[in-house]
PDB file of N, CA and C in Angstrom:
ATOM      1  N   MET A   1     -24.334  24.638 -10.202  1.00  0.00           N
ATOM      2  CA  MET A   1     -23.881  24.448  -8.840  1.00  0.00           C
ATOM      3  C   MET A   1     -23.083  23.150  -8.684  1.00  0.00           C
ATOM      4  N   ILE A   2     -23.539  22.098  -9.349  1.00  0.00           N
ATOM      5  CA  ILE A   2     -22.832  20.816  -9.285  1.00  0.00           C
ATOM      6  C   ILE A   2     -21.428  20.946  -9.875  1.00  0.00           C
ATOM      7  N   GLN A   3     -21.290  21.739 -10.936  1.00  0.00           N
ATOM      8  CA  GLN A   3     -19.979  21.909 -11.551  1.00  0.00           C
ATOM      9  C   GLN A   3     -19.009  22.585 -10.586  1.00  0.00           C
ATOM     10  N   ILE A   4     -19.487  23.524  -9.794  1.00  0.00           N
ATOM     11  CA  ILE A   4     -18.620  24.206  -8.838  1.00  0.00           C
ATOM     12  C   ILE A   4     -18.182  23.243  -7.743  1.00  0.00           C
ATOM     13  N   VAL A   5     -19.098  22.428  -7.251  1.00  0.00           N
ATOM     14  CA  VAL A   5     -18.756  21.444  -6.218  1.00  0.00           C
ATOM     15  C   VAL A   5     -17.743  20.444  -6.761  1.00  0.00           C
ATOM     16  N   LEU A   6     -17.952  19.968  -7.981  1.00  0.00           N
ATOM     17  CA  LEU A   6     -17.012  19.038  -8.598  1.00  0.00           C
ATOM     18  C   LEU A   6     -15.645  19.677  -8.801  1.00  0.00           C
ATOM     19  N   LEU A   7     -15.620  20.929  -9.206  1.00  0.00           N
ATOM     20  CA  LEU A   7     -14.358  21.638  -9.398  1.00  0.00           C
ATOM     21  C   LEU A   7     -13.601  21.793  -8.076  1.00  0.00           C
ATOM     22  N   VAL A   8     -14.302  22.145  -7.008  1.00  0.00           N
ATOM     23  CA  VAL A   8     -13.667  22.266  -5.689  1.00  0.00           C
ATOM     24  C   VAL A   8     -13.133  20.914  -5.231  1.00  0.00           C
ATOM     25  N   TYR A   9     -13.896  19.856  -5.473  1.00  0.00           N
ATOM     26  CA  TYR A   9     -13.480  18.504  -5.114  1.00  0.00           C
ATOM     27  C   TYR A   9     -12.199  18.119  -5.849  1.00  0.00           C
ATOM     28  N   LEU A  10     -12.158  18.352  -7.149  1.00  0.00           N
ATOM     29  CA  LEU A  10     -10.980  17.982  -7.942  1.00  0.00           C
ATOM     30  C   LEU A  10      -9.762  18.833  -7.592  1.00  0.00           C
ATOM     31  N   ILE A  11      -9.968  20.113  -7.333  1.00  0.00           N
ATOM     32  CA  ILE A  11      -8.849  20.985  -6.957  1.00  0.00           C
ATOM     33  C   ILE A  11      -8.274  20.558  -5.611  1.00  0.00           C
ATOM     34  N   SER A  12      -9.134  20.204  -4.667  1.00  0.00           N
ATOM     35  CA  SER A  12      -8.640  19.782  -3.354  1.00  0.00           C
ATOM     36  C   SER A  12      -7.838  18.484  -3.458  1.00  0.00           C
ATOM     37  N   ILE A  13      -8.268  17.583  -4.302  1.00  0.00           N
ATOM     38  CA  ILE A  13      -7.508  16.343  -4.505  1.00  0.00           C
ATOM     39  C   ILE A  13      -6.177  16.650  -5.184  1.00  0.00           C
ATOM     40  N   TYR A  14      -6.201  17.528  -6.196  1.00  0.00           N
ATOM     41  CA  TYR A  14      -4.975  17.827  -6.938  1.00  0.00           C
ATOM     42  C   TYR A  14      -3.958  18.565  -6.072  1.00  0.00           C
ATOM     43  N   ILE A  15      -4.430  19.401  -5.157  1.00  0.00           N
ATOM     44  CA  ILE A  15      -3.522  20.091  -4.234  1.00  0.00           C
ATOM     45  C   ILE A  15      -2.934  19.104  -3.229  1.00  0.00           C
ATOM     46  N   SER A  16      -3.697  18.104  -2.851  1.00  0.00           N
ATOM     47  CA  SER A  16      -3.260  17.148  -1.841  1.00  0.00           C
ATOM     48  C   SER A  16      -2.375  16.034  -2.393  1.00  0.00           C
ATOM     49  N   LEU A  17      -2.396  15.803  -3.678  1.00  0.00           N
ATOM     50  CA  LEU A  17      -1.635  14.693  -4.256  1.00  0.00           C
ATOM     51  C   LEU A  17      -0.134  14.748  -3.961  1.00  0.00           C
ATOM     52  N   PRO A  18       0.545  15.912  -4.084  1.00  0.00           N
ATOM     53  CA  PRO A  18       1.984  15.898  -3.760  1.00  0.00           C
ATOM     54  C   PRO A  18       2.280  15.454  -2.333  1.00  0.00           C
ATOM     55  N   GLY A  19       1.444  15.854  -1.387  1.00  0.00           N
ATOM     56  CA  GLY A  19       1.640  15.418  -0.004  1.00  0.00           C
ATOM     57  C   GLY A  19       1.448  13.930   0.164  1.00  0.00           C
ATOM     58  N   LEU A  20       0.457  13.391  -0.508  1.00  0.00           N
ATOM     59  CA  LEU A  20       0.223  11.946  -0.440  1.00  0.00           C
ATOM     60  C   LEU A  20       1.371  11.175  -1.077  1.00  0.00           C
ATOM     61  N   PHE A  21       1.888  11.696  -2.192  1.00  0.00           N
ATOM     62  CA  PHE A  21       2.991  11.017  -2.875  1.00  0.00           C
ATOM     63  C   PHE A  21       4.262  11.057  -2.030  1.00  0.00           C
ATOM     64  N   ILE A  22       4.543  12.185  -1.389  1.00  0.00           N
ATOM     65  CA  ILE A  22       5.742  12.296  -0.558  1.00  0.00           C
ATOM     66  C   ILE A  22       5.648  11.354   0.633  1.00  0.00           C
ATOM     67  N   LYS A  23       4.468  11.281   1.265  1.00  0.00           N
ATOM     68  CA  LYS A  23       4.296  10.381   2.405  1.00  0.00           C
ATOM     69  C   LYS A  23       4.464   8.921   2.019  1.00  0.00           C
ATOM     70  N   SER A  24       4.093   8.576   0.796  1.00  0.00           N
ATOM     71  CA  SER A  24       4.181   7.182   0.394  1.00  0.00           C
ATOM     72  C   SER A  24       5.519   6.829  -0.241  1.00  0.00           C
ATOM     73  N   GLY A  25       6.425   7.785  -0.377  1.00  0.00           N
ATOM     74  CA  GLY A  25       7.771   7.483  -0.834  1.00  0.00           C
ATOM     75  C   GLY A  25       8.055   7.806  -2.286  1.00  0.00           C
ATOM     76  N   TYR A  26       7.126   8.417  -2.980  1.00  0.00           N
ATOM     77  CA  TYR A  26       7.342   8.794  -4.375  1.00  0.00           C
ATOM     78  C   TYR A  26       7.761  10.255  -4.460  1.00  0.00           C
ATOM     79  N   LYS A  27       8.310  10.632  -5.589  1.00  0.00           N
ATOM     80  CA  LYS A  27       8.686  12.024  -5.824  1.00  0.00           C
ATOM     81  C   LYS A  27       7.427  12.877  -5.977  1.00  0.00           C
ATOM     82  N   PHE A  28       7.478  14.118  -5.504  1.00  0.00           N
ATOM     83  CA  PHE A  28       6.293  14.974  -5.525  1.00  0.00           C
ATOM     84  C   PHE A  28       5.891  15.367  -6.941  1.00  0.00           C
ATOM     85  N   TYR A  29       6.850  15.458  -7.856  1.00  0.00           N
ATOM     86  CA  TYR A  29       6.513  15.907  -9.206  1.00  0.00           C
ATOM     87  C   TYR A  29       5.732  14.858  -9.991  1.00  0.00           C
ATOM     88  N   LEU A  30       5.725  13.611  -9.524  1.00  0.00           N
ATOM     89  CA  LEU A  30       4.886  12.594 -10.179  1.00  0.00           C
ATOM     90  C   LEU A  30       3.404  12.894  -9.978  1.00  0.00           C
ATOM     91  N   ALA A  31       3.077  13.628  -8.933  1.00  0.00           N
ATOM     92  CA  ALA A  31       1.679  13.991  -8.673  1.00  0.00           C
ATOM     93  C   ALA A  31       1.203  15.107  -9.591  1.00  0.00           C
ATOM     94  N   LEU A  32       2.098  15.800 -10.238  1.00  0.00           N
ATOM     95  CA  LEU A  32       1.725  16.938 -11.070  1.00  0.00           C
ATOM     96  C   LEU A  32       1.547  16.571 -12.541  1.00  0.00           C
ATOM     97  N   ILE A  33       1.954  15.385 -12.940  1.00  0.00           N
ATOM     98  CA  ILE A  33       1.815  14.937 -14.331  1.00  0.00           C
ATOM     99  C   ILE A  33       0.465  14.225 -14.464  1.00  0.00           C
ATOM    100  N   PRO A  34      -0.429  14.699 -15.337  1.00  0.00           N
ATOM    101  CA  PRO A  34      -1.829  14.262 -15.316  1.00  0.00           C
ATOM    102  C   PRO A  34      -2.110  12.765 -15.386  1.00  0.00           C
ATOM    103  N   ILE A  35      -1.631  12.025 -16.320  1.00  0.00           N
ATOM    104  CA  ILE A  35      -1.979  10.608 -16.406  1.00  0.00           C
ATOM    105  C   ILE A  35      -1.121   9.781 -15.451  1.00  0.00           C
ATOM    106  N   VAL A  36       0.105  10.197 -15.258  1.00  0.00           N
ATOM    107  CA  VAL A  36       1.023   9.486 -14.385  1.00  0.00           C
ATOM    108  C   VAL A  36       0.526   9.517 -12.942  1.00  0.00           C
ATOM    109  N   ASN A  37      -0.079  10.635 -12.513  1.00  0.00           N
ATOM    110  CA  ASN A  37      -0.529  10.722 -11.126  1.00  0.00           C
ATOM    111  C   ASN A  37      -1.655   9.737 -10.829  1.00  0.00           C
ATOM    112  N   ILE A  38      -2.504   9.464 -11.776  1.00  0.00           N
ATOM    113  CA  ILE A  38      -3.569   8.478 -11.559  1.00  0.00           C
ATOM    114  C   ILE A  38      -2.971   7.081 -11.418  1.00  0.00           C
ATOM    115  N   TYR A  39      -2.005   6.764 -12.273  1.00  0.00           N
ATOM    116  CA  TYR A  39      -1.357   5.452 -12.210  1.00  0.00           C
ATOM    117  C   TYR A  39      -0.677   5.251 -10.856  1.00  0.00           C
ATOM    118  N   PHE A  40       0.116   6.234 -10.410  1.00  0.00           N
ATOM    119  CA  PHE A  40       0.814   6.088  -9.143  1.00  0.00           C
ATOM    120  C   PHE A  40      -0.124   6.178  -7.951  1.00  0.00           C
ATOM    121  N   LEU A  41      -1.227   6.908  -8.069  1.00  0.00           N
ATOM    122  CA  LEU A  41      -2.212   6.924  -6.996  1.00  0.00           C
ATOM    123  C   LEU A  41      -2.843   5.550  -6.820  1.00  0.00           C
ATOM    124  N   PHE A  42      -3.101   4.875  -7.923  1.00  0.00           N
ATOM    125  CA  PHE A  42      -3.620   3.508  -7.830  1.00  0.00           C
ATOM    126  C   PHE A  42      -2.574   2.575  -7.236  1.00  0.00           C
ATOM    127  N   LYS A  43      -1.286   2.812  -7.521  1.00  0.00           N
ATOM    128  CA  LYS A  43      -0.233   2.007  -6.901  1.00  0.00           C
ATOM    129  C   LYS A  43      -0.139   2.291  -5.410  1.00  0.00           C
ATOM    130  N   ILE A  44      -0.320   3.547  -5.010  1.00  0.00           N
ATOM    131  CA  ILE A  44      -0.290   3.909  -3.597  1.00  0.00           C
ATOM    132  C   ILE A  44      -1.436   3.242  -2.855  1.00  0.00           C
ATOM    133  N   LEU A  45      -2.601   3.208  -3.478  1.00  0.00           N
ATOM    134  CA  LEU A  45      -3.777   2.604  -2.847  1.00  0.00           C
ATOM    135  C   LEU A  45      -3.802   1.089  -2.989  1.00  0.00           C
ATOM    136  N   LYS A  46      -2.777   0.514  -3.632  1.00  0.00           N
ATOM    137  CA  LYS A  46      -2.668  -0.930  -3.865  1.00  0.00           C
ATOM    138  C   LYS A  46      -3.857  -1.465  -4.657  1.00  0.00           C
ATOM    139  N   ILE A  47      -4.246  -0.710  -5.667  1.00  0.00           N
ATOM    140  CA  ILE A  47      -5.288  -1.130  -6.598  1.00  0.00           C
ATOM    141  C   ILE A  47      -4.594  -1.451  -7.907  1.00  0.00           C
ATOM    142  N   ASN A  48      -4.940  -2.564  -8.503  1.00  0.00           N
ATOM    143  CA  ASN A  48      -4.328  -2.975  -9.760  1.00  0.00           C
ATOM    144  C   ASN A  48      -4.635  -1.940 -10.846  1.00  0.00           C
ATOM    145  N   PRO A  49      -3.621  -1.444 -11.555  1.00  0.00           N
ATOM    146  CA  PRO A  49      -3.866  -0.454 -12.608  1.00  0.00           C
ATOM    147  C   PRO A  49      -4.741  -0.972 -13.752  1.00  0.00           C
ATOM    148  N   ILE A  50      -4.853  -2.267 -13.901  1.00  0.00           N
ATOM    149  CA  ILE A  50      -5.758  -2.829 -14.903  1.00  0.00           C
ATOM    150  C   ILE A  50      -7.204  -2.454 -14.562  1.00  0.00           C
ATOM    151  N   PHE A  51      -7.487  -2.324 -13.268  1.00  0.00           N
ATOM    152  CA  PHE A  51      -8.812  -1.900 -12.831  1.00  0.00           C
ATOM    153  C   PHE A  51      -9.164  -0.533 -13.416  1.00  0.00           C
ATOM    154  N   LEU A  52      -8.172   0.350 -13.513  1.00  0.00           N
ATOM    155  CA  LEU A  52      -8.402   1.675 -14.089  1.00  0.00           C
ATOM    156  C   LEU A  52      -8.857   1.565 -15.538  1.00  0.00           C
ATOM    157  N   ILE A  53      -8.260   0.684 -16.297  1.00  0.00           N
ATOM    158  CA  ILE A  53      -8.643   0.495 -17.700  1.00  0.00           C
ATOM    159  C   ILE A  53     -10.052  -0.081 -17.798  1.00  0.00           C
ATOM    160  N   VAL A  54     -10.329  -1.104 -17.009  1.00  0.00           N
ATOM    161  CA  VAL A  54     -11.661  -1.715 -17.036  1.00  0.00           C
ATOM    162  C   VAL A  54     -12.722  -0.728 -16.568  1.00  0.00           C
ATOM    163  N   TYR A  55     -12.416   0.000 -15.522  1.00  0.00           N
ATOM    164  CA  TYR A  55     -13.347   0.991 -14.987  1.00  0.00           C
ATOM    165  C   TYR A  55     -13.635   2.086 -16.008  1.00  0.00           C
ATOM    166  N   SER A  56     -12.593   2.543 -16.694  1.00  0.00           N
ATOM    167  CA  SER A  56     -12.780   3.574 -17.725  1.00  0.00           C
ATOM    168  C   SER A  56     -13.636   3.063 -18.873  1.00  0.00           C
ATOM    169  N   LEU A  57     -13.414   1.836 -19.266  1.00  0.00           N
ATOM    170  CA  LEU A  57     -14.238   1.259 -20.332  1.00  0.00           C
ATOM    171  C   LEU A  57     -15.693   1.102 -19.896  1.00  0.00           C
ATOM    172  N   LEU A  58     -15.911   0.726 -18.655  1.00  0.00           N
ATOM    173  CA  LEU A  58     -17.286   0.630 -18.156  1.00  0.00           C
ATOM    174  C   LEU A  58     -17.980   1.990 -18.161  1.00  0.00           C
ATOM    175  N   ILE A  59     -17.241   3.021 -17.777  1.00  0.00           N
ATOM    176  CA  ILE A  59     -17.830   4.362 -17.772  1.00  0.00           C
ATOM    177  C   ILE A  59     -18.176   4.803 -19.190  1.00  0.00           C
ATOM    178  N   ILE A  60     -17.367   4.430 -20.159  1.00  0.00           N
ATOM    179  CA  ILE A  60     -17.632   4.818 -21.545  1.00  0.00           C
ATOM    180  C   ILE A  60     -18.806   4.033 -22.122  1.00  0.00           C
ATOM    181  N   VAL A  61     -18.876   2.743 -21.848  1.00  0.00           N
ATOM    182  CA  VAL A  61     -19.821   1.857 -22.530  1.00  0.00           C
ATOM    183  C   VAL A  61     -21.206   1.827 -21.889  1.00  0.00           C
ATOM    184  N   LEU A  62     -21.268   1.743 -20.584  1.00  0.00           N
ATOM    185  CA  LEU A  62     -22.548   1.520 -19.919  1.00  0.00           C
ATOM    186  C   LEU A  62     -23.425   2.771 -19.900  1.00  0.00           C
ATOM    187  N   PRO A  63     -24.731   2.597 -20.013  1.00  0.00           N
ATOM    188  CA  PRO A  63     -25.624   3.761 -20.032  1.00  0.00           C
ATOM    189  C   PRO A  63     -25.820   4.397 -18.653  1.00  0.00           C
ATOM    190  N   PHE A  64     -25.591   3.668 -17.580  1.00  0.00           N
ATOM    191  CA  PHE A  64     -25.761   4.228 -16.236  1.00  0.00           C
ATOM    192  C   PHE A  64     -24.405   4.522 -15.599  1.00  0.00           C
ATOM    193  N   ARG A  65     -23.599   5.277 -16.328  1.00  0.00           N
ATOM    194  CA  ARG A  65     -22.233   5.567 -15.901  1.00  0.00           C
ATOM    195  C   ARG A  65     -22.175   6.466 -14.675  1.00  0.00           C
ATOM    196  N   GLU A  66     -23.221   7.236 -14.417  1.00  0.00           N
ATOM    197  CA  GLU A  66     -23.225   8.108 -13.246  1.00  0.00           C
ATOM    198  C   GLU A  66     -23.128   7.305 -11.956  1.00  0.00           C
ATOM    199  N   LEU A  67     -23.707   6.113 -11.957  1.00  0.00           N
ATOM    200  CA  LEU A  67     -23.646   5.243 -10.792  1.00  0.00           C
ATOM    201  C   LEU A  67     -22.204   4.851 -10.483  1.00  0.00           C
ATOM    202  N   PHE A  68     -21.425   4.508 -11.502  1.00  0.00           N
ATOM    203  CA  PHE A  68     -20.038   4.109 -11.291  1.00  0.00           C
ATOM    204  C   PHE A  68     -19.180   5.284 -10.831  1.00  0.00           C
ATOM    205  N   VAL A  69     -19.413   6.450 -11.385  1.00  0.00           N
ATOM    206  CA  VAL A  69     -18.649   7.632 -10.980  1.00  0.00           C
ATOM    207  C   VAL A  69     -18.986   8.005  -9.543  1.00  0.00           C
ATOM    208  N   THR A  70     -20.246   7.933  -9.177  1.00  0.00           N
ATOM    209  CA  THR A  70     -20.662   8.255  -7.817  1.00  0.00           C
ATOM    210  C   THR A  70     -20.113   7.236  -6.827  1.00  0.00           C
ATOM    211  N   MET A  71     -20.134   5.961  -7.203  1.00  0.00           N
ATOM    212  CA  MET A  71     -19.582   4.939  -6.315  1.00  0.00           C
ATOM    213  C   MET A  71     -18.101   5.185  -6.055  1.00  0.00           C
ATOM    214  N   PHE A  72     -17.348   5.547  -7.094  1.00  0.00           N
ATOM    215  CA  PHE A  72     -15.924   5.810  -6.912  1.00  0.00           C
ATOM    216  C   PHE A  72     -15.712   7.049  -6.049  1.00  0.00           C
ATOM    217  N   ALA A  73     -16.520   8.083  -6.254  1.00  0.00           N
ATOM    218  CA  ALA A  73     -16.384   9.315  -5.471  1.00  0.00           C
ATOM    219  C   ALA A  73     -16.721   9.080  -4.003  1.00  0.00           C
ATOM    220  N   VAL A  74     -17.600   8.137  -3.720  1.00  0.00           N
ATOM    221  CA  VAL A  74     -17.958   7.841  -2.331  1.00  0.00           C
ATOM    222  C   VAL A  74     -16.901   6.966  -1.674  1.00  0.00           C
ATOM    223  N   PHE A  75     -16.363   5.983  -2.381  1.00  0.00           N
ATOM    224  CA  PHE A  75     -15.398   5.064  -1.786  1.00  0.00           C
ATOM    225  C   PHE A  75     -13.972   5.607  -1.764  1.00  0.00           C
ATOM    226  N   PHE A  76     -13.659   6.590  -2.580  1.00  0.00           N
ATOM    227  CA  PHE A  76     -12.298   7.124  -2.685  1.00  0.00           C
ATOM    228  C   PHE A  76     -11.764   7.681  -1.357  1.00  0.00           C
ATOM    229  N   PRO A  77     -12.531   8.508  -0.614  1.00  0.00           N
ATOM    230  CA  PRO A  77     -11.991   8.995   0.668  1.00  0.00           C
ATOM    231  C   PRO A  77     -11.700   7.878   1.661  1.00  0.00           C
ATOM    232  N   PHE A  78     -12.502   6.830   1.641  1.00  0.00           N
ATOM    233  CA  PHE A  78     -12.271   5.719   2.554  1.00  0.00           C
ATOM    234  C   PHE A  78     -11.013   4.944   2.168  1.00  0.00           C
ATOM    235  N   MET A  79     -10.732   4.827   0.876  1.00  0.00           N
ATOM    236  CA  MET A  79      -9.515   4.155   0.432  1.00  0.00           C
ATOM    237  C   MET A  79      -8.275   4.973   0.787  1.00  0.00           C
ATOM    238  N   ILE A  80      -8.363   6.301   0.595  1.00  0.00           N
ATOM    239  CA  ILE A  80      -7.240   7.176   0.934  1.00  0.00           C
ATOM    240  C   ILE A  80      -6.944   7.114   2.423  1.00  0.00           C
ATOM    241  N   CYS A  81      -7.971   7.262   3.241  1.00  0.00           N
ATOM    242  CA  CYS A  81      -7.754   7.273   4.688  1.00  0.00           C
ATOM    243  C   CYS A  81      -7.332   5.902   5.208  1.00  0.00           C
ATOM    244  N   ASP A  82      -7.732   4.840   4.561  1.00  0.00           N
ATOM    245  CA  ASP A  82      -7.270   3.512   4.949  1.00  0.00           C
ATOM    246  C   ASP A  82      -5.787   3.346   4.636  1.00  0.00           C
ATOM    247  N   ALA A  83      -5.342   3.871   3.516  1.00  0.00           N
ATOM    248  CA  ALA A  83      -3.927   3.748   3.138  1.00  0.00           C
ATOM    249  C   ALA A  83      -3.028   4.589   4.033  1.00  0.00           C
ATOM    250  N   PHE A  84      -3.556   5.646   4.617  1.00  0.00           N
ATOM    251  CA  PHE A  84      -2.743   6.536   5.439  1.00  0.00           C
ATOM    252  C   PHE A  84      -3.100   6.458   6.921  1.00  0.00           C
ATOM    253  N   GLU A  85      -3.649   5.327   7.351  1.00  0.00           N
ATOM    254  CA  GLU A  85      -3.926   5.015   8.748  1.00  0.00           C
ATOM    255  C   GLU A  85      -4.754   6.073   9.464  1.00  0.00           C
ATOM    256  N   ASP A  86      -5.699   6.650   8.793  1.00  0.00           N
ATOM    257  CA  ASP A  86      -6.609   7.564   9.464  1.00  0.00           C
ATOM    258  C   ASP A  86      -7.906   6.839   9.767  1.00  0.00           C
ATOM    259  N   ASN A  87      -8.627   7.342  10.744  1.00  0.00           N
ATOM    260  CA  ASN A  87      -9.834   6.654  11.184  1.00  0.00           C
ATOM    261  C   ASN A  87     -11.033   7.041  10.326  1.00  0.00           C
ATOM    262  N   ILE A  88     -12.167   6.533  10.712  1.00  0.00           N
ATOM    263  CA  ILE A  88     -13.392   6.732   9.941  1.00  0.00           C
ATOM    264  C   ILE A  88     -13.833   8.191   9.961  1.00  0.00           C
ATOM    265  N   LEU A  89     -13.472   8.940  11.003  1.00  0.00           N
ATOM    266  CA  LEU A  89     -13.871  10.346  11.064  1.00  0.00           C
ATOM    267  C   LEU A  89     -13.190  11.165   9.968  1.00  0.00           C
ATOM    268  N   PHE A  90     -11.927  10.871   9.698  1.00  0.00           N
ATOM    269  CA  PHE A  90     -11.251  11.583   8.610  1.00  0.00           C
ATOM    270  C   PHE A  90     -11.793  11.157   7.260  1.00  0.00           C
ATOM    271  N   SER A  91     -12.224   9.908   7.136  1.00  0.00           N
ATOM    272  CA  SER A  91     -12.854   9.467   5.891  1.00  0.00           C
ATOM    273  C   SER A  91     -14.143  10.229   5.645  1.00  0.00           C
ATOM    274  N   LEU A  92     -14.950  10.373   6.676  1.00  0.00           N
ATOM    275  CA  LEU A  92     -16.194  11.138   6.541  1.00  0.00           C
ATOM    276  C   LEU A  92     -15.920  12.615   6.291  1.00  0.00           C
ATOM    277  N   LEU A  93     -14.857  13.153   6.914  1.00  0.00           N
ATOM    278  CA  LEU A  93     -14.489  14.543   6.670  1.00  0.00           C
ATOM    279  C   LEU A  93     -14.085  14.737   5.214  1.00  0.00           C
ATOM    280  N   CYS A  94     -13.322  13.805   4.669  1.00  0.00           N
ATOM    281  CA  CYS A  94     -12.926  13.897   3.261  1.00  0.00           C
ATOM    282  C   CYS A  94     -14.114  13.737   2.330  1.00  0.00           C
ATOM    283  N   LEU A  95     -15.098  12.966   2.736  1.00  0.00           N
ATOM    284  CA  LEU A  95     -16.289  12.770   1.917  1.00  0.00           C
ATOM    285  C   LEU A  95     -17.188  13.999   1.943  1.00  0.00           C
ATOM    286  N   ILE A  96     -17.397  14.563   3.119  1.00  0.00           N
ATOM    287  CA  ILE A  96     -18.343  15.674   3.261  1.00  0.00           C
ATOM    288  C   ILE A  96     -17.697  17.015   2.924  1.00  0.00           C
ATOM    289  N   VAL A  97     -16.480  17.250   3.427  1.00  0.00           N
ATOM    290  CA  VAL A  97     -15.790  18.523   3.210  1.00  0.00           C
ATOM    291  C   VAL A  97     -14.416  18.229   2.602  1.00  0.00           C
ATOM    292  N   PRO A  98     -14.366  17.909   1.316  1.00  0.00           N
ATOM    293  CA  PRO A  98     -13.086  17.468   0.733  1.00  0.00           C
ATOM    294  C   PRO A  98     -12.016  18.552   0.684  1.00  0.00           C
ATOM    295  N   PHE A  99     -12.406  19.818   0.576  1.00  0.00           N
ATOM    296  CA  PHE A  99     -11.390  20.870   0.493  1.00  0.00           C
ATOM    297  C   PHE A  99     -10.670  21.067   1.820  1.00  0.00           C
ATOM    298  N   ALA A 100     -11.183  20.529   2.912  1.00  0.00           N
ATOM    299  CA  ALA A 100     -10.489  20.562   4.197  1.00  0.00           C
ATOM    300  C   ALA A 100      -9.906  19.199   4.546  1.00  0.00           C
ATOM    301  N   GLY A 101     -10.602  18.126   4.192  1.00  0.00           N
ATOM    302  CA  GLY A 101     -10.188  16.787   4.603  1.00  0.00           C
ATOM    303  C   GLY A 101      -8.946  16.271   3.915  1.00  0.00           C
ATOM    304  N   TYR A 102      -8.888  16.397   2.594  1.00  0.00           N
ATOM    305  CA  TYR A 102      -7.737  15.853   1.856  1.00  0.00           C
ATOM    306  C   TYR A 102      -6.419  16.543   2.211  1.00  0.00           C
ATOM    307  N   PRO A 103      -6.365  17.873   2.321  1.00  0.00           N
ATOM    308  CA  PRO A 103      -5.088  18.476   2.735  1.00  0.00           C
ATOM    309  C   PRO A 103      -4.658  18.092   4.150  1.00  0.00           C
ATOM    310  N   ILE A 104      -5.627  17.884   5.047  1.00  0.00           N
ATOM    311  CA  ILE A 104      -5.271  17.457   6.405  1.00  0.00           C
ATOM    312  C   ILE A 104      -4.635  16.072   6.366  1.00  0.00           C
ATOM    313  N   VAL A 105      -5.230  15.169   5.607  1.00  0.00           N
ATOM    314  CA  VAL A 105      -4.663  13.811   5.497  1.00  0.00           C
ATOM    315  C   VAL A 105      -3.312  13.854   4.795  1.00  0.00           C
ATOM    316  N   ALA A 106      -3.187  14.694   3.774  1.00  0.00           N
ATOM    317  CA  ALA A 106      -1.961  14.712   2.972  1.00  0.00           C
ATOM    318  C   ALA A 106      -0.790  15.380   3.681  1.00  0.00           C
ATOM    319  N   TYR A 107      -1.051  16.472   4.386  1.00  0.00           N
ATOM    320  CA  TYR A 107       0.063  17.262   4.905  1.00  0.00           C
ATOM    321  C   TYR A 107       0.209  17.239   6.424  1.00  0.00           C
ATOM    322  N   PHE A 108      -0.827  16.869   7.159  1.00  0.00           N
ATOM    323  CA  PHE A 108      -0.738  16.975   8.612  1.00  0.00           C
ATOM    324  C   PHE A 108      -0.928  15.656   9.341  1.00  0.00           C
ATOM    325  N   ASN A 109      -1.751  14.775   8.836  1.00  0.00           N
ATOM    326  CA  ASN A 109      -2.191  13.616   9.587  1.00  0.00           C
ATOM    327  C   ASN A 109      -1.841  12.328   8.852  1.00  0.00           C
ATOM    328  N   GLY A 110      -1.676  11.272   9.593  1.00  0.00           N
ATOM    329  CA  GLY A 110      -1.548   9.953   8.982  1.00  0.00           C
ATOM    330  C   GLY A 110      -0.145   9.598   8.541  1.00  0.00           C
ATOM    331  N   VAL A 111       0.081   8.292   8.517  1.00  0.00           N
ATOM    332  CA  VAL A 111       1.337   7.706   8.066  1.00  0.00           C
ATOM    333  C   VAL A 111       0.978   6.630   7.055  1.00  0.00           C
ATOM    334  N   TYR A 112       1.729   6.563   5.983  1.00  0.00           N
ATOM    335  CA  TYR A 112       1.443   5.572   4.956  1.00  0.00           C
ATOM    336  C   TYR A 112       1.714   4.183   5.505  1.00  0.00           C
ATOM    337  N   GLN A 113       0.742   3.291   5.414  1.00  0.00           N
ATOM    338  CA  GLN A 113       0.867   1.990   6.053  1.00  0.00           C
ATOM    339  C   GLN A 113       1.234   0.857   5.120  1.00  0.00           C
ATOM    340  N   TYR A 114       1.186   1.049   3.808  1.00  0.00           N
ATOM    341  CA  TYR A 114       1.437  -0.059   2.899  1.00  0.00           C
ATOM    342  C   TYR A 114       2.905  -0.229   2.541  1.00  0.00           C
ATOM    343  N   GLY A 115       3.781   0.648   2.995  1.00  0.00           N
ATOM    344  CA  GLY A 115       5.207   0.535   2.707  1.00  0.00           C
ATOM    345  C   GLY A 115       5.543   1.090   1.343  1.00  0.00           C
ATOM    346  N   GLY A 116       6.107   2.273   1.292  1.00  0.00           N
ATOM    347  CA  GLY A 116       6.412   2.925   0.029  1.00  0.00           C
ATOM    348  C   GLY A 116       7.672   2.389  -0.610  1.00  0.00           C
ATOM    349  N   GLU A 117       7.837   2.704  -1.865  1.00  0.00           N
ATOM    350  CA  GLU A 117       9.031   2.312  -2.596  1.00  0.00           C
ATOM    351  C   GLU A 117       9.519   3.531  -3.367  1.00  0.00           C
ATOM    352  N   GLU A 118      10.810   3.723  -3.333  1.00  0.00           N
ATOM    353  CA  GLU A 118      11.407   4.890  -3.991  1.00  0.00           C
ATOM    354  C   GLU A 118      11.689   4.551  -5.438  1.00  0.00           C
ATOM    355  N   ILE A 119      11.260   5.420  -6.333  1.00  0.00           N
ATOM    356  CA  ILE A 119      11.471   5.207  -7.761  1.00  0.00           C
ATOM    357  C   ILE A 119      12.296   6.365  -8.286  1.00  0.00           C
ATOM    358  N   GLU A 120      13.372   6.052  -8.962  1.00  0.00           N
ATOM    359  CA  GLU A 120      14.239   7.074  -9.528  1.00  0.00           C
ATOM    360  C   GLU A 120      13.945   7.226 -11.014  1.00  0.00           C
ATOM    361  N   PHE A 121      13.671   8.451 -11.441  1.00  0.00           N
ATOM    362  CA  PHE A 121      13.507   8.752 -12.857  1.00  0.00           C
ATOM    363  C   PHE A 121      14.620   9.699 -13.266  1.00  0.00           C
ATOM    364  N   TYR A 122      15.336   9.335 -14.312  1.00  0.00           N
ATOM    365  CA  TYR A 122      16.448  10.168 -14.750  1.00  0.00           C
ATOM    366  C   TYR A 122      16.082  10.920 -15.995  1.00  0.00           C
TER     367      TYR A 122
END
């Protein structure tokens, strides 16, 4: 049952990523490339990409890695909704019902508040 919930959570985020990238000023196809989308998502959320490396190493090395994964899964909706000027209700909606909350934030609600930058890839 947990695997199904995790799969629904990840699919809802992956479907919502192109909308989040377009709102923040990046090309939508950057959201579809697996490792690149994590890097640019951290740039959208104004989190240093070095944190991703340190966080990944902590998850690999530490014996209580479930705590770190759960902490990230709980704080992630609040970071997304903060970056897109949504209130606490949308953060809770994304936390409790992610398959409805993330697409609403990505495609219908919110404006990116950190100031996007256009990147051209040839």
